[in-house]
Protein backbone atom coordinates (compact mmCIF):
# COMPACT_ATOMS: atom_id res chain seq x y z
CA MET A 1 -16.27 -12.84 -13.29
CA PHE A 2 -13.31 -11.77 -15.41
CA HIS A 3 -12.86 -8.68 -17.58
CA HIS A 4 -13.05 -9.25 -21.32
CA PRO A 5 -13.09 -6.09 -23.51
CA GLY A 6 -9.52 -4.92 -24.11
CA VAL A 7 -7.97 -7.85 -22.23
CA ARG A 8 -5.54 -8.54 -25.05
CA TRP A 9 -3.95 -5.14 -24.35
CA THR A 10 -3.29 -5.71 -20.65
CA HIS A 11 0.28 -6.68 -21.50
CA LEU A 12 0.83 -2.99 -22.26
CA GLN A 13 -0.49 -2.07 -18.81
CA ALA A 14 1.93 -4.54 -17.23
CA GLN A 15 4.82 -3.15 -19.29
CA ALA A 16 3.84 0.43 -18.43
CA ALA A 17 3.81 -0.47 -14.73
CA GLY A 18 7.07 -2.43 -15.01
CA ILE A 19 5.61 -5.67 -13.68
CA PRO A 20 5.53 -9.16 -15.21
CA GLN A 21 2.23 -10.52 -16.46
CA VAL A 22 1.02 -14.11 -16.33
CA THR A 23 -2.10 -14.98 -18.26
CA ALA A 24 -4.41 -17.96 -18.37
CA ASP A 25 -7.00 -18.78 -20.98
CA VAL A 26 -10.47 -19.15 -19.50
CA SER A 27 -13.64 -20.56 -20.97
CA GLY A 28 -15.91 -17.84 -19.64
CA VAL A 29 -18.14 -20.52 -18.15
CA LYS A 30 -19.18 -19.61 -14.62
CA GLU A 31 -17.08 -21.43 -12.01
CA GLU A 32 -14.93 -23.21 -14.66
CA GLU A 33 -13.00 -19.98 -15.21
CA LEU A 34 -11.78 -20.20 -11.62
CA GLY A 35 -9.94 -23.43 -12.41
CA ALA A 36 -7.76 -21.61 -14.92
CA MET A 37 -6.96 -18.92 -12.38
CA GLU A 38 -6.15 -21.53 -9.75
CA GLY A 39 -3.88 -23.37 -12.18
CA ALA A 40 -1.96 -20.21 -13.07
CA LEU A 41 -1.55 -19.26 -9.41
CA ARG A 42 -0.50 -22.82 -8.50
CA GLY A 43 2.24 -22.67 -11.15
CA LEU A 44 3.54 -19.41 -9.69
CA THR A 45 3.50 -20.71 -6.12
CA LYS A 46 5.67 -23.66 -7.17
CA THR A 47 8.34 -21.25 -8.42
CA GLY A 48 8.08 -19.12 -5.28
CA GLU A 49 7.41 -16.04 -7.40
CA ILE A 50 4.32 -14.88 -5.49
CA GLU A 51 3.06 -14.60 -1.96
CA GLY A 52 -0.47 -13.46 -2.72
CA ALA A 53 -3.05 -12.20 -5.17
CA VAL A 54 -4.50 -8.70 -5.36
CA THR A 55 -7.98 -8.17 -6.73
CA GLY A 56 -10.04 -5.12 -7.54
CA ALA A 57 -13.14 -6.44 -5.77
CA ILE A 58 -15.10 -3.62 -4.18
CA ALA A 59 -18.42 -5.06 -3.07
CA SER A 60 -18.90 -8.34 -4.93
CA GLU A 61 -18.91 -11.07 -2.31
CA TYR A 62 -19.18 -13.51 -5.24
CA GLN A 63 -15.80 -12.42 -6.65
CA LYS A 64 -14.00 -11.92 -3.36
CA SER A 65 -15.08 -15.21 -1.79
CA ARG A 66 -13.94 -17.23 -4.80
CA VAL A 67 -10.52 -15.60 -4.97
CA ASP A 68 -10.16 -15.90 -1.17
CA ARG A 69 -11.00 -19.62 -1.38
CA ILE A 70 -8.41 -20.27 -4.08
CA CYS A 71 -5.74 -18.32 -2.20
CA ASP A 72 -6.51 -20.19 1.03
CA LYS A 73 -6.22 -23.49 -0.82
CA LEU A 74 -2.82 -22.50 -2.24
CA GLY A 75 -1.48 -20.86 0.93
CA LEU A 76 -1.48 -17.37 -0.60
CA ARG A 77 -2.59 -14.06 0.85
CA SER A 78 -5.68 -12.59 -0.79
CA LEU A 79 -5.65 -8.80 -0.86
CA ALA A 80 -8.59 -6.62 -1.86
CA PRO A 81 -7.44 -3.06 -1.12
CA LEU A 82 -10.58 -1.49 -2.59
CA TRP A 83 -12.94 -3.72 -0.60
CA GLY A 84 -15.72 -1.80 1.08
CA MET A 85 -14.94 1.58 -0.46
CA THR A 86 -17.98 3.54 -1.52
CA PRO A 87 -18.24 3.68 -5.31
CA GLU A 88 -18.53 7.48 -5.39
CA HIS A 89 -15.42 7.95 -3.24
CA LEU A 90 -13.46 5.37 -5.22
CA ILE A 91 -14.13 6.75 -8.70
CA GLU A 92 -13.48 10.32 -7.57
CA GLU A 93 -10.24 9.26 -5.85
CA GLN A 94 -9.06 7.41 -8.95
CA ILE A 95 -9.51 10.53 -11.05
CA GLU A 96 -7.90 12.75 -8.40
CA LEU A 97 -4.86 10.43 -8.20
CA GLY A 98 -4.35 10.61 -11.97
CA PHE A 99 -5.82 7.34 -13.21
CA ARG A 100 -7.01 7.80 -16.79
CA PHE A 101 -9.40 5.26 -18.21
CA ILE A 102 -12.01 4.78 -20.90
CA MET A 103 -15.23 2.84 -21.08
CA THR A 104 -14.78 -0.33 -23.15
CA ALA A 105 -18.17 -1.98 -22.64
CA CYS A 106 -21.69 -0.83 -21.79
CA MET A 107 -24.28 -3.32 -20.58
CA ALA A 108 -26.78 -1.31 -18.53
CA MET A 109 -29.70 1.04 -18.92
CA GLY A 110 -28.56 4.62 -19.26
CA LEU A 111 -25.30 3.74 -20.98
CA ASP A 112 -25.47 4.08 -24.74
CA SER A 113 -22.93 3.81 -27.55
CA THR A 114 -21.62 7.34 -26.91
CA TRP A 115 -19.90 6.02 -23.77
CA LEU A 116 -17.70 3.56 -25.70
CA GLY A 117 -14.16 4.93 -25.80
CA ARG A 118 -15.09 7.90 -23.62
CA VAL A 119 -12.57 9.02 -21.00
CA ILE A 120 -14.04 8.83 -17.52
CA ASP A 121 -13.30 12.27 -16.11
CA ARG A 122 -15.12 14.51 -13.63
CA LYS A 123 -17.79 15.47 -16.18
CA ALA A 124 -18.40 11.81 -17.00
CA VAL A 125 -18.63 10.98 -13.28
CA ASP A 126 -21.30 13.67 -12.85
CA GLU A 127 -23.26 12.09 -15.70
CA LEU A 128 -22.77 8.62 -14.22
CA LYS A 129 -24.13 9.87 -10.89
CA SER A 130 -27.28 11.01 -12.69
CA ILE A 131 -27.57 7.62 -14.43
CA ASN A 132 -27.02 5.96 -11.04
CA ARG A 133 -29.92 7.89 -9.52
CA LYS A 134 -32.18 7.10 -12.44
CA HIS A 135 -31.24 3.47 -13.19
CA GLY A 136 -29.33 2.30 -10.10
CA ILE A 137 -26.05 1.36 -11.82
CA SER A 138 -22.89 1.11 -9.74
CA LEU A 139 -20.57 4.08 -10.30
CA VAL A 140 -17.67 1.63 -10.49
CA PHE A 141 -19.59 -0.96 -12.51
CA GLU A 142 -19.20 -3.65 -9.85
CA GLY A 143 -22.42 -5.27 -11.05
CA GLY A 144 -21.11 -5.77 -14.58
CA GLU A 145 -22.83 -2.66 -15.96
CA ALA A 146 -19.70 -1.65 -17.86
CA GLU A 147 -15.99 -2.32 -18.29
CA THR A 148 -13.09 0.11 -18.43
CA PHE A 149 -9.49 0.16 -19.61
CA VAL A 150 -6.75 2.13 -17.80
CA PHE A 151 -4.47 3.85 -20.30
CA ASP A 152 -2.48 5.93 -17.81
CA ALA A 153 -1.88 5.69 -14.07
CA PRO A 154 0.47 7.07 -11.44
CA ILE A 155 2.39 3.76 -11.40
CA PHE A 156 2.82 3.72 -15.19
CA GLU A 157 6.25 4.70 -16.50
CA ARG A 158 4.66 5.25 -19.91
CA LYS A 159 1.07 5.65 -21.06
CA ILE A 160 -0.93 3.65 -23.56
CA ARG A 161 -2.19 5.31 -26.71
CA ILE A 162 -5.06 3.59 -28.45
CA VAL A 163 -4.26 3.97 -32.12
CA GLU A 164 -7.31 2.32 -33.63
CA ALA A 165 -10.59 1.20 -32.09
CA ARG A 166 -14.12 0.59 -33.26
CA PRO A 167 -17.32 0.56 -31.23
CA ILE A 168 -19.52 -2.51 -31.69
CA TRP A 169 -23.14 -1.93 -30.65
CA LYS A 170 -25.80 -4.66 -30.70
CA GLY A 171 -29.27 -3.85 -29.44
CA ASP A 172 -28.89 -2.33 -25.99
CA SER A 173 -25.23 -3.08 -25.25
CA GLY A 174 -21.84 -2.96 -26.85
CA TYR A 175 -18.09 -2.92 -26.51
CA LEU A 176 -15.06 -1.10 -27.86
CA GLU A 177 -12.94 -3.31 -30.08
CA ILE A 178 -9.36 -2.07 -29.76
CA HIS A 179 -7.43 -2.95 -32.90
CA SER A 180 -4.13 -1.22 -32.17
CA ALA A 181 -2.45 0.31 -29.13
CA ILE A 182 1.11 1.34 -28.27
CA LEU A 183 3.15 2.56 -25.33
CA GLN A 184 4.41 6.11 -25.50
CA ASP A 185 6.19 8.61 -23.26
CA LYS A 186 3.92 10.36 -20.78
CA ASN A 187 4.94 13.77 -22.16
CA SER A 188 3.87 13.03 -25.73
């Protein structure tokens, strides 16, 4: 349920956006990972630091229902601002608004190693639409077909520059192993 490739660099995203980050180690075992999330949220509710949780769920009832359940249990609001958006509209809007992101994992037919580290821009979206028609993947990878990493966004005060990364490809899937990344001014 949780994102893995590039997760160790999310602290840079939080810094770039000027927001604090709280992390929790998870096992990756289905359903057990939710306990870690609940524990982290419970700790924050005790300090009064949060009123709710925001997720990027778009169409996955599996993800949304589990986060909703935890928030209900803890008396938090569960917000899913992207919920119900059509994948095509969402990915095009993200690009139009200035979100810049790369593909960090590929786990679906039609996505090969050339996608790893590739910036998802309008040309890439056109290619993804073709792959969607041929193989049925979600344009926003809601089914786990791929993972992405945002390196610049309208809410970022600075952008992230990936200094060193290496694609790892095994059989018919792979991921981008980011070894080094830094924050830099948006103008550089």
